[in-house]
PDB file of all heavy atoms in Angstrom:
ATOM      1  N   ASP A   1     -19.022  77.296 -70.016  1.00  0.00           N
ATOM      2  CA  ASP A   1     -18.402  75.976 -70.236  1.00  0.00           C
ATOM      3  C   ASP A   1     -18.072  75.300 -68.910  1.00  0.00           C
ATOM      4  O   ASP A   1     -17.026  74.680 -68.744  1.00  0.00           O
ATOM      5  CB  ASP A   1     -17.127  76.107 -71.080  1.00  0.00           C
ATOM      6  CG  ASP A   1     -17.398  76.689 -72.456  1.00  0.00           C
ATOM      7  OD1 ASP A   1     -18.428  76.332 -73.053  1.00  0.00           O
ATOM      8  OD2 ASP A   1     -16.589  77.512 -72.924  1.00  0.00           O
ATOM      9  N   TYR A   2     -19.004  75.434 -67.982  1.00  0.00           N
ATOM     10  CA  TYR A   2     -18.788  74.995 -66.609  1.00  0.00           C
ATOM     11  C   TYR A   2     -19.243  73.540 -66.480  1.00  0.00           C
ATOM     12  O   TYR A   2     -20.382  73.245 -66.148  1.00  0.00           O
ATOM     13  CB  TYR A   2     -19.593  75.902 -65.674  1.00  0.00           C
ATOM     14  CG  TYR A   2     -19.169  75.922 -64.232  1.00  0.00           C
ATOM     15  CD1 TYR A   2     -18.539  77.046 -63.697  1.00  0.00           C
ATOM     16  CD2 TYR A   2     -19.433  74.854 -63.387  1.00  0.00           C
ATOM     17  CE1 TYR A   2     -18.186  77.101 -62.360  1.00  0.00           C
ATOM     18  CE2 TYR A   2     -19.077  74.892 -62.057  1.00  0.00           C
ATOM     19  CZ  TYR A   2     -18.452  76.014 -61.543  1.00  0.00           C
ATOM     20  OH  TYR A   2     -18.100  76.064 -60.210  1.00  0.00           O
ATOM     21  N   ALA A   3     -18.328  72.628 -66.773  1.00  0.00           N
ATOM     22  CA  ALA A   3     -18.619  71.194 -66.725  1.00  0.00           C
ATOM     23  C   ALA A   3     -17.354  70.462 -66.325  1.00  0.00           C
ATOM     24  O   ALA A   3     -16.273  71.052 -66.251  1.00  0.00           O
ATOM     25  CB  ALA A   3     -19.121  70.712 -68.089  1.00  0.00           C
ATOM     26  N   ARG A   4     -17.473  69.167 -66.060  1.00  0.00           N
ATOM     27  CA  ARG A   4     -16.295  68.372 -65.742  1.00  0.00           C
ATOM     28  C   ARG A   4     -15.290  68.517 -66.881  1.00  0.00           C
ATOM     29  O   ARG A   4     -15.643  68.434 -68.054  1.00  0.00           O
ATOM     30  CB  ARG A   4     -16.671  66.915 -65.547  1.00  0.00           C
ATOM     31  CG  ARG A   4     -17.512  66.674 -64.299  1.00  0.00           C
ATOM     32  CD  ARG A   4     -16.751  66.959 -63.022  1.00  0.00           C
ATOM     33  NE  ARG A   4     -17.576  66.818 -61.827  1.00  0.00           N
ATOM     34  CZ  ARG A   4     -17.145  67.035 -60.598  1.00  0.00           C
ATOM     35  NH1 ARG A   4     -15.893  67.419 -60.399  1.00  0.00           N
ATOM     36  NH2 ARG A   4     -17.955  66.883 -59.556  1.00  0.00           N
ATOM     37  N   GLY A   5     -14.040  68.735 -66.502  1.00  0.00           N
ATOM     38  CA  GLY A   5     -13.046  69.072 -67.496  1.00  0.00           C
ATOM     39  C   GLY A   5     -12.891  70.571 -67.666  1.00  0.00           C
ATOM     40  O   GLY A   5     -12.156  71.036 -68.542  1.00  0.00           O
ATOM     41  N   LEU A   6     -13.568  71.336 -66.797  1.00  0.00           N
ATOM     42  CA  LEU A   6     -13.466  72.794 -66.802  1.00  0.00           C
ATOM     43  C   LEU A   6     -12.000  73.223 -66.821  1.00  0.00           C
ATOM     44  O   LEU A   6     -11.198  72.793 -65.999  1.00  0.00           O
ATOM     45  CB  LEU A   6     -14.140  73.337 -65.535  1.00  0.00           C
ATOM     46  CG  LEU A   6     -14.082  74.846 -65.269  1.00  0.00           C
ATOM     47  CD1 LEU A   6     -14.975  75.586 -66.255  1.00  0.00           C
ATOM     48  CD2 LEU A   6     -14.515  75.136 -63.830  1.00  0.00           C
ATOM     49  N   THR A   7     -11.647  74.069 -67.777  1.00  0.00           N
ATOM     50  CA  THR A   7     -10.258  74.519 -67.874  1.00  0.00           C
ATOM     51  C   THR A   7      -9.973  75.613 -66.858  1.00  0.00           C
ATOM     52  O   THR A   7     -10.888  76.277 -66.351  1.00  0.00           O
ATOM     53  CB  THR A   7      -9.945  75.051 -69.279  1.00  0.00           C
ATOM     54  OG1 THR A   7     -10.713  76.251 -69.502  1.00  0.00           O
ATOM     55  CG2 THR A   7     -10.268  74.021 -70.348  1.00  0.00           C
ATOM     56  N   PHE A   8      -8.690  75.802 -66.577  1.00  0.00           N
ATOM     57  CA  PHE A   8      -8.298  76.879 -65.678  1.00  0.00           C
ATOM     58  C   PHE A   8      -8.749  78.229 -66.227  1.00  0.00           C
ATOM     59  O   PHE A   8      -9.252  79.082 -65.478  1.00  0.00           O
ATOM     60  CB  PHE A   8      -6.781  76.867 -65.490  1.00  0.00           C
ATOM     61  CG  PHE A   8      -6.268  78.029 -64.680  1.00  0.00           C
ATOM     62  CD1 PHE A   8      -6.352  78.020 -63.301  1.00  0.00           C
ATOM     63  CD2 PHE A   8      -5.712  79.136 -65.304  1.00  0.00           C
ATOM     64  CE1 PHE A   8      -5.888  79.095 -62.546  1.00  0.00           C
ATOM     65  CE2 PHE A   8      -5.245  80.208 -64.562  1.00  0.00           C
ATOM     66  CZ  PHE A   8      -5.329  80.188 -63.184  1.00  0.00           C
ATOM     67  N   GLU A   9      -8.601  78.435 -67.522  1.00  0.00           N
ATOM     68  CA  GLU A   9      -8.955  79.726 -68.121  1.00  0.00           C
ATOM     69  C   GLU A   9     -10.458  79.997 -68.013  1.00  0.00           C
ATOM     70  O   GLU A   9     -10.872  81.108 -67.692  1.00  0.00           O
ATOM     71  CB  GLU A   9      -8.511  79.750 -69.586  1.00  0.00           C
ATOM     72  CG  GLU A   9      -7.002  79.764 -69.786  1.00  0.00           C
ATOM     73  CD  GLU A   9      -6.345  78.414 -69.588  1.00  0.00           C
ATOM     74  OE1 GLU A   9      -7.064  77.377 -69.532  1.00  0.00           O
ATOM     75  OE2 GLU A   9      -5.096  78.379 -69.471  1.00  0.00           O
ATOM     76  N   ALA A  10     -11.282  78.968 -68.282  1.00  0.00           N
ATOM     77  CA  ALA A  10     -12.729  79.154 -68.174  1.00  0.00           C
ATOM     78  C   ALA A  10     -13.141  79.405 -66.724  1.00  0.00           C
ATOM     79  O   ALA A  10     -14.015  80.237 -66.445  1.00  0.00           O
ATOM     80  CB  ALA A  10     -13.451  77.929 -68.735  1.00  0.00           C
ATOM     81  N   HIS A  11     -12.501  78.693 -65.806  1.00  0.00           N
ATOM     82  CA  HIS A  11     -12.821  78.885 -64.393  1.00  0.00           C
ATOM     83  C   HIS A  11     -12.422  80.289 -63.931  1.00  0.00           C
ATOM     84  O   HIS A  11     -13.157  80.964 -63.195  1.00  0.00           O
ATOM     85  CB  HIS A  11     -12.113  77.828 -63.551  1.00  0.00           C
ATOM     86  CG  HIS A  11     -12.633  77.705 -62.165  1.00  0.00           C
ATOM     87  ND1 HIS A  11     -11.890  77.175 -61.137  1.00  0.00           N
ATOM     88  CD2 HIS A  11     -13.834  78.049 -61.611  1.00  0.00           C
ATOM     89  CE1 HIS A  11     -12.600  77.178 -60.034  1.00  0.00           C
ATOM     90  NE2 HIS A  11     -13.781  77.713 -60.285  1.00  0.00           N
ATOM     91  N   GLU A  12     -11.257  80.741 -64.371  1.00  0.00           N
ATOM     92  CA  GLU A  12     -10.810  82.085 -63.994  1.00  0.00           C
ATOM     93  C   GLU A  12     -11.724  83.152 -64.579  1.00  0.00           C
ATOM     94  O   GLU A  12     -11.992  84.163 -63.919  1.00  0.00           O
ATOM     95  CB  GLU A  12      -9.374  82.306 -64.449  1.00  0.00           C
ATOM     96  CG  GLU A  12      -8.773  83.615 -63.922  1.00  0.00           C
ATOM     97  CD  GLU A  12      -7.296  83.723 -64.215  1.00  0.00           C
ATOM     98  OE1 GLU A  12      -6.927  83.905 -65.393  1.00  0.00           O
ATOM     99  OE2 GLU A  12      -6.495  83.621 -63.259  1.00  0.00           O
ATOM    100  N   ARG A  13     -12.223  82.939 -65.779  1.00  0.00           N
ATOM    101  CA  ARG A  13     -13.175  83.891 -66.368  1.00  0.00           C
ATOM    102  C   ARG A  13     -14.447  83.984 -65.519  1.00  0.00           C
ATOM    103  O   ARG A  13     -14.950  85.079 -65.251  1.00  0.00           O
ATOM    104  CB  ARG A  13     -13.535  83.449 -67.789  1.00  0.00           C
ATOM    105  CG  ARG A  13     -14.593  84.333 -68.450  1.00  0.00           C
ATOM    106  CD  ARG A  13     -15.249  83.664 -69.648  1.00  0.00           C
ATOM    107  NE  ARG A  13     -16.471  84.341 -70.020  1.00  0.00           N
ATOM    108  CZ  ARG A  13     -17.516  83.758 -70.591  1.00  0.00           C
ATOM    109  NH1 ARG A  13     -17.483  82.458 -70.854  1.00  0.00           N
ATOM    110  NH2 ARG A  13     -18.599  84.455 -70.895  1.00  0.00           N
ATOM    111  N   TYR A  14     -14.946  82.838 -65.076  1.00  0.00           N
ATOM    112  CA  TYR A  14     -16.141  82.816 -64.225  1.00  0.00           C
ATOM    113  C   TYR A  14     -15.894  83.589 -62.931  1.00  0.00           C
ATOM    114  O   TYR A  14     -16.699  84.430 -62.513  1.00  0.00           O
ATOM    115  CB  TYR A  14     -16.511  81.369 -63.933  1.00  0.00           C
ATOM    116  CG  TYR A  14     -17.728  81.176 -63.062  1.00  0.00           C
ATOM    117  CD1 TYR A  14     -19.003  81.144 -63.602  1.00  0.00           C
ATOM    118  CD2 TYR A  14     -17.602  80.993 -61.675  1.00  0.00           C
ATOM    119  CE1 TYR A  14     -20.131  80.952 -62.801  1.00  0.00           C
ATOM    120  CE2 TYR A  14     -18.710  80.796 -60.870  1.00  0.00           C
ATOM    121  CZ  TYR A  14     -19.967  80.777 -61.438  1.00  0.00           C
ATOM    122  OH  TYR A  14     -21.074  80.589 -60.637  1.00  0.00           O
ATOM    123  N   LEU A  15     -14.760  83.302 -62.289  1.00  0.00           N
ATOM    124  CA  LEU A  15     -14.425  83.989 -61.048  1.00  0.00           C
ATOM    125  C   LEU A  15     -14.250  85.485 -61.292  1.00  0.00           C
ATOM    126  O   LEU A  15     -14.748  86.317 -60.510  1.00  0.00           O
ATOM    127  CB  LEU A  15     -13.145  83.403 -60.457  1.00  0.00           C
ATOM    128  CG  LEU A  15     -12.600  84.082 -59.199  1.00  0.00           C
ATOM    129  CD1 LEU A  15     -13.575  83.946 -58.043  1.00  0.00           C
ATOM    130  CD2 LEU A  15     -11.230  83.508 -58.827  1.00  0.00           C
ATOM    131  N   ARG A  16     -13.564  85.856 -62.359  1.00  0.00           N
ATOM    132  CA  ARG A  16     -13.334  87.267 -62.654  1.00  0.00           C
ATOM    133  C   ARG A  16     -14.659  88.008 -62.867  1.00  0.00           C
ATOM    134  O   ARG A  16     -14.845  89.123 -62.368  1.00  0.00           O
ATOM    135  CB  ARG A  16     -12.451  87.422 -63.889  1.00  0.00           C
ATOM    136  CG  ARG A  16     -12.140  88.889 -64.224  1.00  0.00           C
ATOM    137  CD  ARG A  16     -11.302  89.023 -65.480  1.00  0.00           C
ATOM    138  NE  ARG A  16      -9.959  88.478 -65.286  1.00  0.00           N
ATOM    139  CZ  ARG A  16      -9.518  87.364 -65.841  1.00  0.00           C
ATOM    140  NH1 ARG A  16     -10.314  86.657 -66.651  1.00  0.00           N
ATOM    141  NH2 ARG A  16      -8.296  86.945 -65.607  1.00  0.00           N
ATOM    142  N   ASP A  17     -15.593  87.388 -63.582  1.00  0.00           N
ATOM    143  CA  ASP A  17     -16.896  88.029 -63.808  1.00  0.00           C
ATOM    144  C   ASP A  17     -17.638  88.246 -62.494  1.00  0.00           C
ATOM    145  O   ASP A  17     -18.269  89.291 -62.278  1.00  0.00           O
ATOM    146  CB  ASP A  17     -17.748  87.178 -64.748  1.00  0.00           C
ATOM    147  CG  ASP A  17     -17.383  87.379 -66.218  1.00  0.00           C
ATOM    148  OD1 ASP A  17     -16.447  88.153 -66.501  1.00  0.00           O
ATOM    149  OD2 ASP A  17     -18.037  86.751 -67.080  1.00  0.00           O
ATOM    150  N   ALA A  18     -17.564  87.263 -61.591  1.00  0.00           N
ATOM    151  CA  ALA A  18     -18.240  87.395 -60.294  1.00  0.00           C
ATOM    152  C   ALA A  18     -17.610  88.500 -59.457  1.00  0.00           C
ATOM    153  O   ALA A  18     -18.309  89.336 -58.860  1.00  0.00           O
ATOM    154  CB  ALA A  18     -18.197  86.071 -59.551  1.00  0.00           C
ATOM    155  N   VAL A  19     -16.283  88.523 -59.405  1.00  0.00           N
ATOM    156  CA  VAL A  19     -15.578  89.528 -58.614  1.00  0.00           C
ATOM    157  C   VAL A  19     -15.800  90.924 -59.192  1.00  0.00           C
ATOM    158  O   VAL A  19     -16.054  91.895 -58.455  1.00  0.00           O
ATOM    159  CB  VAL A  19     -14.076  89.183 -58.536  1.00  0.00           C
ATOM    160  CG1 VAL A  19     -13.279  90.345 -57.948  1.00  0.00           C
ATOM    161  CG2 VAL A  19     -13.872  87.919 -57.694  1.00  0.00           C
ATOM    162  N   THR A  20     -15.727  91.043 -60.493  1.00  0.00           N
ATOM    163  CA  THR A  20     -15.916  92.344 -61.142  1.00  0.00           C
ATOM    164  C   THR A  20     -17.334  92.860 -60.920  1.00  0.00           C
ATOM    165  O   THR A  20     -17.540  94.055 -60.662  1.00  0.00           O
ATOM    166  CB  THR A  20     -15.624  92.229 -62.649  1.00  0.00           C
ATOM    167  OG1 THR A  20     -14.278  91.792 -62.836  1.00  0.00           O
ATOM    168  CG2 THR A  20     -15.810  93.569 -63.343  1.00  0.00           C
ATOM    169  N   ALA A  21     -18.319  91.966 -61.008  1.00  0.00           N
ATOM    170  CA  ALA A  21     -19.705  92.371 -60.788  1.00  0.00           C
ATOM    171  C   ALA A  21     -19.944  92.803 -59.347  1.00  0.00           C
ATOM    172  O   ALA A  21     -20.737  93.713 -59.069  1.00  0.00           O
ATOM    173  CB  ALA A  21     -20.644  91.234 -61.156  1.00  0.00           C
ATOM    174  N   ALA A  22     -19.235  92.187 -58.410  1.00  0.00           N
ATOM    175  CA  ALA A  22     -19.429  92.519 -56.987  1.00  0.00           C
ATOM    176  C   ALA A  22     -18.624  93.725 -56.552  1.00  0.00           C
ATOM    177  O   ALA A  22     -18.973  94.390 -55.564  1.00  0.00           O
ATOM    178  CB  ALA A  22     -19.048  91.311 -56.127  1.00  0.00           C
ATOM    179  N   ASP A  23     -17.545  94.027 -57.254  1.00  0.00           N
ATOM    180  CA  ASP A  23     -16.579  95.034 -56.806  1.00  0.00           C
ATOM    181  C   ASP A  23     -17.187  96.403 -56.485  1.00  0.00           C
ATOM    182  O   ASP A  23     -16.800  97.022 -55.480  1.00  0.00           O
ATOM    183  CB  ASP A  23     -15.467  95.175 -57.851  1.00  0.00           C
ATOM    184  CG  ASP A  23     -14.228  95.855 -57.276  1.00  0.00           C
ATOM    185  OD1 ASP A  23     -14.122  95.937 -56.039  1.00  0.00           O
ATOM    186  OD2 ASP A  23     -13.368  96.282 -58.054  1.00  0.00           O
ATOM    187  N   PRO A  24     -18.156  96.919 -57.269  1.00  0.00           N
ATOM    188  CA  PRO A  24     -18.720  98.229 -56.918  1.00  0.00           C
ATOM    189  C   PRO A  24     -19.446  98.252 -55.569  1.00  0.00           C
ATOM    190  O   PRO A  24     -19.574  99.310 -54.953  1.00  0.00           O
ATOM    191  CB  PRO A  24     -19.704  98.500 -58.067  1.00  0.00           C
ATOM    192  CG  PRO A  24     -19.205  97.674 -59.200  1.00  0.00           C
ATOM    193  CD  PRO A  24     -18.661  96.439 -58.564  1.00  0.00           C
ATOM    194  N   GLN A  25     -19.897  97.079 -55.120  1.00  0.00           N
ATOM    195  CA  GLN A  25     -20.679  97.014 -53.876  1.00  0.00           C
ATOM    196  C   GLN A  25     -19.912  96.416 -52.704  1.00  0.00           C
ATOM    197  O   GLN A  25     -20.362  96.513 -51.563  1.00  0.00           O
ATOM    198  CB  GLN A  25     -21.926  96.152 -54.102  1.00  0.00           C
ATOM    199  CG  GLN A  25     -22.730  96.484 -55.345  1.00  0.00           C
ATOM    200  CD  GLN A  25     -23.764  95.404 -55.623  1.00  0.00           C
ATOM    201  OE1 GLN A  25     -24.540  95.026 -54.755  1.00  0.00           O
ATOM    202  NE2 GLN A  25     -23.775  94.884 -56.852  1.00  0.00           N
ATOM    203  N   VAL A  26     -18.781  95.797 -52.981  1.00  0.00           N
ATOM    204  CA  VAL A  26     -18.089  94.989 -51.967  1.00  0.00           C
ATOM    205  C   VAL A  26     -16.631  95.418 -51.859  1.00  0.00           C
ATOM    206  O   VAL A  26     -15.972  95.658 -52.872  1.00  0.00           O
ATOM    207  CB  VAL A  26     -18.161  93.488 -52.333  1.00  0.00           C
ATOM    208  CG1 VAL A  26     -17.388  92.654 -51.324  1.00  0.00           C
ATOM    209  CG2 VAL A  26     -19.610  93.026 -52.417  1.00  0.00           C
ATOM    210  N   ASP A  27     -16.135  95.509 -50.631  1.00  0.00           N
ATOM    211  CA  ASP A  27     -14.729  95.796 -50.387  1.00  0.00           C
ATOM    212  C   ASP A  27     -13.994  94.469 -50.181  1.00  0.00           C
ATOM    213  O   ASP A  27     -14.228  93.751 -49.216  1.00  0.00           O
ATOM    214  CB  ASP A  27     -14.584  96.677 -49.152  1.00  0.00           C
ATOM    215  CG  ASP A  27     -13.136  97.093 -48.899  1.00  0.00           C
ATOM    216  OD1 ASP A  27     -12.254  96.710 -49.700  1.00  0.00           O
ATOM    217  OD2 ASP A  27     -12.886  97.793 -47.900  1.00  0.00           O
ATOM    218  N   PHE A  28     -13.107  94.135 -51.098  1.00  0.00           N
ATOM    219  CA  PHE A  28     -12.382  92.870 -51.042  1.00  0.00           C
ATOM    220  C   PHE A  28     -11.127  92.939 -50.168  1.00  0.00           C
ATOM    221  O   PHE A  28     -10.468  91.923 -49.948  1.00  0.00           O
ATOM    222  CB  PHE A  28     -11.985  92.429 -52.457  1.00  0.00           C
ATOM    223  CG  PHE A  28     -13.131  91.883 -53.267  1.00  0.00           C
ATOM    224  CD1 PHE A  28     -14.013  92.736 -53.903  1.00  0.00           C
ATOM    225  CD2 PHE A  28     -13.332  90.524 -53.380  1.00  0.00           C
ATOM    226  CE1 PHE A  28     -15.066  92.240 -54.659  1.00  0.00           C
ATOM    227  CE2 PHE A  28     -14.385  90.011 -54.122  1.00  0.00           C
ATOM    228  CZ  PHE A  28     -15.263  90.875 -54.760  1.00  0.00           C
ATOM    229  N   ALA A  29     -10.787  94.093 -49.681  1.00  0.00           N
ATOM    230  CA  ALA A  29      -9.560  94.258 -48.905  1.00  0.00           C
ATOM    231  C   ALA A  29      -9.620  93.422 -47.625  1.00  0.00           C
ATOM    232  O   ALA A  29     -10.641  93.393 -46.924  1.00  0.00           O
ATOM    233  CB  ALA A  29      -9.340  95.724 -48.575  1.00  0.00           C
ATOM    234  N   GLY A  30      -8.530  92.776 -47.319  1.00  0.00           N
ATOM    235  CA  GLY A  30      -8.413  92.059 -46.050  1.00  0.00           C
ATOM    236  C   GLY A  30      -8.912  90.631 -46.073  1.00  0.00           C
ATOM    237  O   GLY A  30      -8.855  89.945 -45.044  1.00  0.00           O
ATOM    238  N   TYR A  31      -9.399  90.166 -47.223  1.00  0.00           N
ATOM    239  CA  TYR A  31      -9.884  88.787 -47.299  1.00  0.00           C
ATOM    240  C   TYR A  31      -8.824  87.880 -47.930  1.00  0.00           C
ATOM    241  O   TYR A  31      -8.124  88.276 -48.853  1.00  0.00           O
ATOM    242  CB  TYR A  31     -11.193  88.717 -48.091  1.00  0.00           C
ATOM    243  CG  TYR A  31     -12.353  89.331 -47.341  1.00  0.00           C
ATOM    244  CD1 TYR A  31     -12.769  90.642 -47.603  1.00  0.00           C
ATOM    245  CD2 TYR A  31     -13.014  88.614 -46.348  1.00  0.00           C
ATOM    246  CE1 TYR A  31     -13.813  91.209 -46.897  1.00  0.00           C
ATOM    247  CE2 TYR A  31     -14.063  89.181 -45.632  1.00  0.00           C
ATOM    248  CZ  TYR A  31     -14.458  90.468 -45.917  1.00  0.00           C
ATOM    249  OH  TYR A  31     -15.489  91.043 -45.209  1.00  0.00           O
ATOM    250  N   ASP A  32      -8.746  86.650 -47.414  1.00  0.00           N
ATOM    251  CA  ASP A  32      -7.772  85.690 -47.910  1.00  0.00           C
ATOM    252  C   ASP A  32      -8.322  84.845 -49.049  1.00  0.00           C
ATOM    253  O   ASP A  32      -7.547  84.327 -49.868  1.00  0.00           O
ATOM    254  CB  ASP A  32      -7.338  84.743 -46.778  1.00  0.00           C
ATOM    255  CG  ASP A  32      -6.769  85.495 -45.588  1.00  0.00           C
ATOM    256  OD1 ASP A  32      -5.734  86.158 -45.767  1.00  0.00           O
ATOM    257  OD2 ASP A  32      -7.364  85.411 -44.499  1.00  0.00           O
ATOM    258  N   MET A  33      -9.627  84.701 -49.094  1.00  0.00           N
ATOM    259  CA  MET A  33     -10.243  83.728 -49.984  1.00  0.00           C
ATOM    260  C   MET A  33     -11.636  84.206 -50.351  1.00  0.00           C
ATOM    261  O   MET A  33     -12.276  84.948 -49.594  1.00  0.00           O
ATOM    262  CB  MET A  33     -10.298  82.369 -49.261  1.00  0.00           C
ATOM    263  CG  MET A  33     -10.778  81.198 -50.068  1.00  0.00           C
ATOM    264  SD  MET A  33     -10.665  79.704 -49.030  1.00  0.00           S
ATOM    265  CE  MET A  33     -11.366  78.500 -50.140  1.00  0.00           C
ATOM    266  N   VAL A  34     -12.133  83.783 -51.506  1.00  0.00           N
ATOM    267  CA  VAL A  34     -13.469  84.156 -51.963  1.00  0.00           C
ATOM    268  C   VAL A  34     -14.275  82.893 -52.240  1.00  0.00           C
ATOM    269  O   VAL A  34     -13.776  81.940 -52.850  1.00  0.00           O
ATOM    270  CB  VAL A  34     -13.404  85.034 -53.236  1.00  0.00           C
ATOM    271  CG1 VAL A  34     -14.801  85.288 -53.790  1.00  0.00           C
ATOM    272  CG2 VAL A  34     -12.702  86.352 -52.939  1.00  0.00           C
ATOM    273  N   HIS A  35     -15.525  82.885 -51.778  1.00  0.00           N
ATOM    274  CA  HIS A  35     -16.499  81.869 -52.148  1.00  0.00           C
ATOM    275  C   HIS A  35     -17.514  82.505 -53.086  1.00  0.00           C
ATOM    276  O   HIS A  35     -18.029  83.595 -52.798  1.00  0.00           O
ATOM    277  CB  HIS A  35     -17.245  81.332 -50.922  1.00  0.00           C
ATOM    278  CG  HIS A  35     -16.432  80.429 -50.052  1.00  0.00           C
ATOM    279  ND1 HIS A  35     -16.871  79.983 -48.822  1.00  0.00           N
ATOM    280  CD2 HIS A  35     -15.207  79.874 -50.237  1.00  0.00           C
ATOM    281  CE1 HIS A  35     -15.951  79.205 -48.284  1.00  0.00           C
ATOM    282  NE2 HIS A  35     -14.928  79.118 -49.119  1.00  0.00           N
TER     283      HIS A  35
END
């Protein structure tokens, strides 16, 4: 549901899926921000 008017919950779900998918390969420690 990634369109203008994107809700906070939908955006957080997108971010969570990306972070979770990357987590086995990536160390997130020490970073202030994610792109």
